[in-house]
Protein backbone atom coordinates (compact mmCIF):
# COMPACT_ATOMS: atom_id res chain seq x y z
CA UNK A 1 -5.45 98.05 -212.04
CA UNK A 2 -6.36 100.91 -209.39
CA UNK A 3 -4.67 104.02 -209.18
CA UNK A 4 -2.46 103.21 -205.98
CA UNK A 5 -1.24 100.08 -207.93
CA UNK A 6 -0.30 102.19 -210.82
CA UNK A 7 1.53 104.89 -208.55
CA UNK A 8 3.55 102.10 -206.93
CA UNK A 9 3.91 100.12 -210.18
CA UNK A 10 4.99 102.74 -212.96
CA UNK A 11 8.76 102.84 -213.59
CA UNK A 12 11.03 104.35 -215.84
CA UNK A 13 11.44 101.55 -218.55
CA UNK A 14 14.73 101.42 -220.84
CA UNK A 15 14.15 98.42 -222.62
CA UNK A 16 11.54 97.56 -225.08
CA UNK A 17 10.14 94.77 -227.43
CA UNK A 18 9.59 95.71 -231.13
CA UNK A 19 6.32 95.21 -230.89
CA UNK A 20 4.04 98.51 -231.75
CA UNK A 21 1.75 100.22 -229.70
CA UNK A 22 -1.84 100.22 -231.25
CA UNK A 23 -3.09 103.47 -232.32
CA UNK A 24 -6.13 103.09 -230.02
CA UNK A 25 -4.12 102.52 -227.16
CA UNK A 26 -2.07 105.60 -228.02
CA UNK A 27 -5.16 107.60 -228.13
CA UNK A 28 -6.54 106.33 -224.76
CA UNK A 29 -3.31 107.29 -223.21
CA UNK A 30 -3.50 110.99 -224.72
CA UNK A 31 -7.30 110.93 -223.56
CA UNK A 32 -5.90 110.31 -219.97
CA UNK A 33 -3.42 113.11 -220.32
CA UNK A 34 -5.89 115.71 -221.16
CA UNK A 35 -7.93 114.65 -218.10
CA UNK A 36 -5.15 116.35 -216.21
CA UNK A 37 -5.62 119.84 -214.33
CA UNK A 38 -4.35 122.94 -216.02
CA UNK A 39 -3.91 126.61 -215.07
CA UNK A 40 -7.19 128.24 -215.44
CA UNK A 41 -8.37 125.35 -217.27
CA UNK A 42 -6.91 126.42 -220.38
CA UNK A 43 -5.51 122.89 -221.16
CA UNK A 44 -2.90 124.37 -223.45
CA UNK A 45 -1.38 121.25 -224.55
CA UNK A 46 -0.37 119.68 -228.01
CA UNK A 47 0.70 116.15 -228.63
CA UNK A 48 2.89 114.75 -231.35
CA UNK A 49 3.22 110.93 -231.75
CA UNK A 50 6.20 109.70 -233.50
CA UNK A 51 6.42 106.21 -234.65
CA UNK A 52 8.71 106.56 -237.60
CA UNK A 53 11.85 104.89 -236.90
CA UNK A 54 13.94 107.05 -239.12
CA UNK A 55 12.73 109.99 -237.48
CA UNK A 56 13.37 108.56 -233.83
CA UNK A 57 16.72 107.77 -235.04
CA UNK A 58 17.55 111.21 -236.31
CA UNK A 59 16.20 112.83 -233.12
CA UNK A 60 18.30 110.76 -230.97
CA UNK A 61 21.47 111.55 -232.74
CA UNK A 62 20.58 115.20 -232.77
CA UNK A 63 19.62 115.55 -229.38
CA UNK A 64 22.84 113.67 -228.52
CA UNK A 65 24.99 116.13 -230.33
CA UNK A 66 23.13 119.10 -229.03
CA UNK A 67 23.41 117.84 -225.51
CA UNK A 68 27.26 117.52 -225.73
CA UNK A 69 27.39 120.81 -227.48
CA UNK A 70 25.22 122.85 -225.03
CA UNK A 71 25.96 121.08 -221.65
CA UNK A 72 29.49 120.11 -221.71
CA UNK A 73 30.02 122.04 -218.62
CA UNK A 74 27.42 120.61 -216.33
CA UNK A 75 28.65 118.51 -213.56
CA UNK A 76 25.69 115.86 -214.23
CA UNK A 77 26.72 115.65 -217.68
CA UNK A 78 30.24 114.78 -217.30
CA UNK A 79 29.13 111.06 -216.39
CA UNK A 80 26.75 110.97 -219.27
CA UNK A 81 29.33 112.07 -221.99
CA UNK A 82 30.31 108.55 -222.74
CA UNK A 83 26.82 107.49 -223.64
CA UNK A 84 25.96 110.62 -225.67
CA UNK A 85 29.29 110.08 -227.66
CA UNK A 86 28.45 106.43 -228.40
CA UNK A 87 26.84 106.39 -231.84
CA UNK A 88 24.93 102.95 -231.01
CA UNK A 89 23.07 104.53 -228.09
CA UNK A 90 19.68 105.28 -228.59
CA UNK A 91 18.16 107.77 -226.38
CA UNK A 92 14.73 106.42 -226.99
CA UNK A 93 15.80 102.81 -226.04
CA UNK A 94 14.22 101.22 -229.07
CA UNK A 95 10.83 102.30 -227.79
CA UNK A 96 8.22 102.07 -230.64
CA UNK A 97 6.59 105.26 -229.95
CA UNK A 98 7.55 108.79 -228.67
CA UNK A 99 4.74 111.23 -227.36
CA UNK A 100 5.86 114.83 -227.01
CA UNK A 101 3.64 116.89 -224.97
CA UNK A 102 3.98 120.44 -225.92
CA UNK A 103 2.51 123.55 -224.66
CA UNK A 104 0.65 125.85 -227.36
CA UNK A 105 2.54 128.81 -225.74
CA UNK A 106 5.50 129.28 -223.84
CA UNK A 107 3.62 131.08 -220.60
CA UNK A 108 3.91 131.05 -216.89
CA UNK A 109 2.68 127.49 -216.35
CA UNK A 110 3.34 125.83 -219.52
CA UNK A 111 5.76 123.33 -217.92
CA UNK A 112 3.64 122.72 -215.21
CA UNK A 113 0.58 121.88 -217.33
CA UNK A 114 2.39 119.56 -219.81
CA UNK A 115 4.01 117.89 -216.73
CA UNK A 116 0.75 117.40 -214.95
CA UNK A 117 -0.71 115.71 -218.29
CA UNK A 118 2.79 113.72 -218.64
CA UNK A 119 2.15 111.99 -215.46
CA UNK A 120 -1.32 110.93 -216.28
CA UNK A 121 -0.10 109.80 -219.50
CA UNK A 122 2.78 107.41 -217.86
CA UNK A 123 0.15 106.14 -215.07
CA UNK A 124 -2.31 105.30 -217.73
CA UNK A 125 0.57 103.45 -219.73
CA UNK A 126 1.31 101.36 -216.77
CA UNK A 127 -2.43 100.64 -216.49
CA UNK A 128 -2.40 99.28 -219.98
CA UNK A 129 0.81 97.06 -219.22
CA UNK A 130 3.18 99.21 -221.31
CA UNK A 131 6.42 100.84 -220.08
CA UNK A 132 7.22 104.59 -220.38
CA UNK A 133 10.09 107.09 -219.70
CA UNK A 134 10.38 110.87 -219.91
CA UNK A 135 13.38 111.36 -222.18
CA UNK A 136 15.12 114.25 -220.74
CA UNK A 137 18.17 114.06 -223.26
CA UNK A 138 15.50 115.27 -226.24
CA UNK A 139 13.93 118.16 -224.49
CA UNK A 140 16.56 120.72 -225.41
CA UNK A 141 17.10 119.67 -229.17
CA UNK A 142 13.44 119.80 -229.47
CA UNK A 143 12.82 122.98 -228.22
CA UNK A 144 15.42 124.28 -231.04
CA UNK A 145 13.84 125.73 -234.27
CA UNK A 146 15.38 122.83 -236.13
CA UNK A 147 13.74 120.25 -233.64
CA UNK A 148 10.30 121.96 -233.83
CA UNK A 149 10.63 121.94 -237.64
CA UNK A 150 11.46 118.17 -237.49
CA UNK A 151 8.08 117.53 -235.86
CA UNK A 152 5.95 120.19 -238.01
CA UNK A 153 5.52 122.29 -234.49
CA UNK A 154 4.77 125.98 -234.66
CA UNK A 155 7.72 127.92 -233.49
CA UNK A 156 5.61 129.32 -230.78
CA UNK A 157 5.08 125.99 -229.22
CA UNK A 158 7.28 124.81 -226.14
CA UNK A 159 8.09 121.26 -226.16
CA UNK A 160 7.92 120.03 -222.50
CA UNK A 161 7.78 116.29 -222.20
CA UNK A 162 8.98 113.92 -224.69
CA UNK A 163 7.80 110.45 -223.38
CA UNK A 164 8.56 107.09 -224.75
CA UNK A 165 5.95 104.33 -224.77
CA UNK A 166 6.05 100.63 -225.42
CA UNK A 167 5.93 97.15 -224.37
CA UNK A 168 8.57 96.30 -221.77
CA UNK A 169 11.53 93.90 -222.73
CA UNK A 170 11.27 92.68 -219.17
CA UNK A 171 10.34 93.65 -215.65
CA UNK A 172 11.84 96.83 -214.04
CA UNK A 173 12.67 96.30 -210.50
CA UNK A 174 11.39 98.92 -207.80
CA UNK A 175 13.74 101.47 -206.79
CA UNK A 176 13.81 102.07 -202.81
CA UNK A 177 11.89 105.55 -201.71
CA UNK A 178 13.55 107.74 -199.19
CA UNK A 179 11.35 108.74 -196.30
CA UNK A 180 10.25 112.04 -197.31
CA UNK A 181 11.10 115.43 -195.50
CA UNK A 182 7.78 116.68 -194.08
CA UNK A 183 7.56 120.07 -192.57
CA UNK A 184 4.24 120.52 -190.53
CA UNK A 185 3.02 124.01 -189.83
CA UNK A 186 0.28 124.71 -187.45
CA UNK A 187 -1.61 121.59 -186.07
CA UNK A 188 -0.51 118.45 -187.66
CA UNK A 189 -2.59 115.33 -187.56
CA UNK A 190 -1.76 112.42 -184.84
C-alpha cells in the first residue's frame, strides 16, 4: 500500500476480531512510529504494549470512572455519559492490543512529538491491514499516578497517545471530508 492510499484508507476502527496481533507486526508498527520527526531530534518517546485482557479491562473501567468524575461539566461529555456509565462498554472496543506512546518527560513539545509518532503508527497499521484508534477516554487516567503505576511508567513520563490496534471486524466506511479553509498570504500558486 502506498502512502497516499494509507492516508486515504486509515479509519478510526471501533470493532475488532479477537485475533491477536503478532509481536513482529507490533514491533514493525513501533519502528514506523520512531521514524517520525521530533523537536530537536530528541526522539523522547516510550512505547508500552498491553495485550493482557485483565489489565485492558481495568484501564477501561478506571478510565470511565475518572472521566465521569473529572469532566462531568464538559459539554461534550454530556452526550457521552451514557456510554461511560455502561459497565459493558469497553473503551478499547475489545481490541487485542493497546500501544501507549508516552514522552519520557513532560516538556514543551511532548504532545507534538508523541502525536507525530502516533500518526506514523496508525498509518503503518493501516498498511498492514490492521485497524487502529486513538482512545482519548484513556488519556487522563493513564496520566494519573495510579495509571502510570498500572503500566509501570516512571512518574516523570507523560502518557500522550493510547492507540488500540487489531484486526477490524468489518470495513469502516469513509467519512466525507470538509473543504479546508485555506488562507494564502503572498503569492498563491495558480
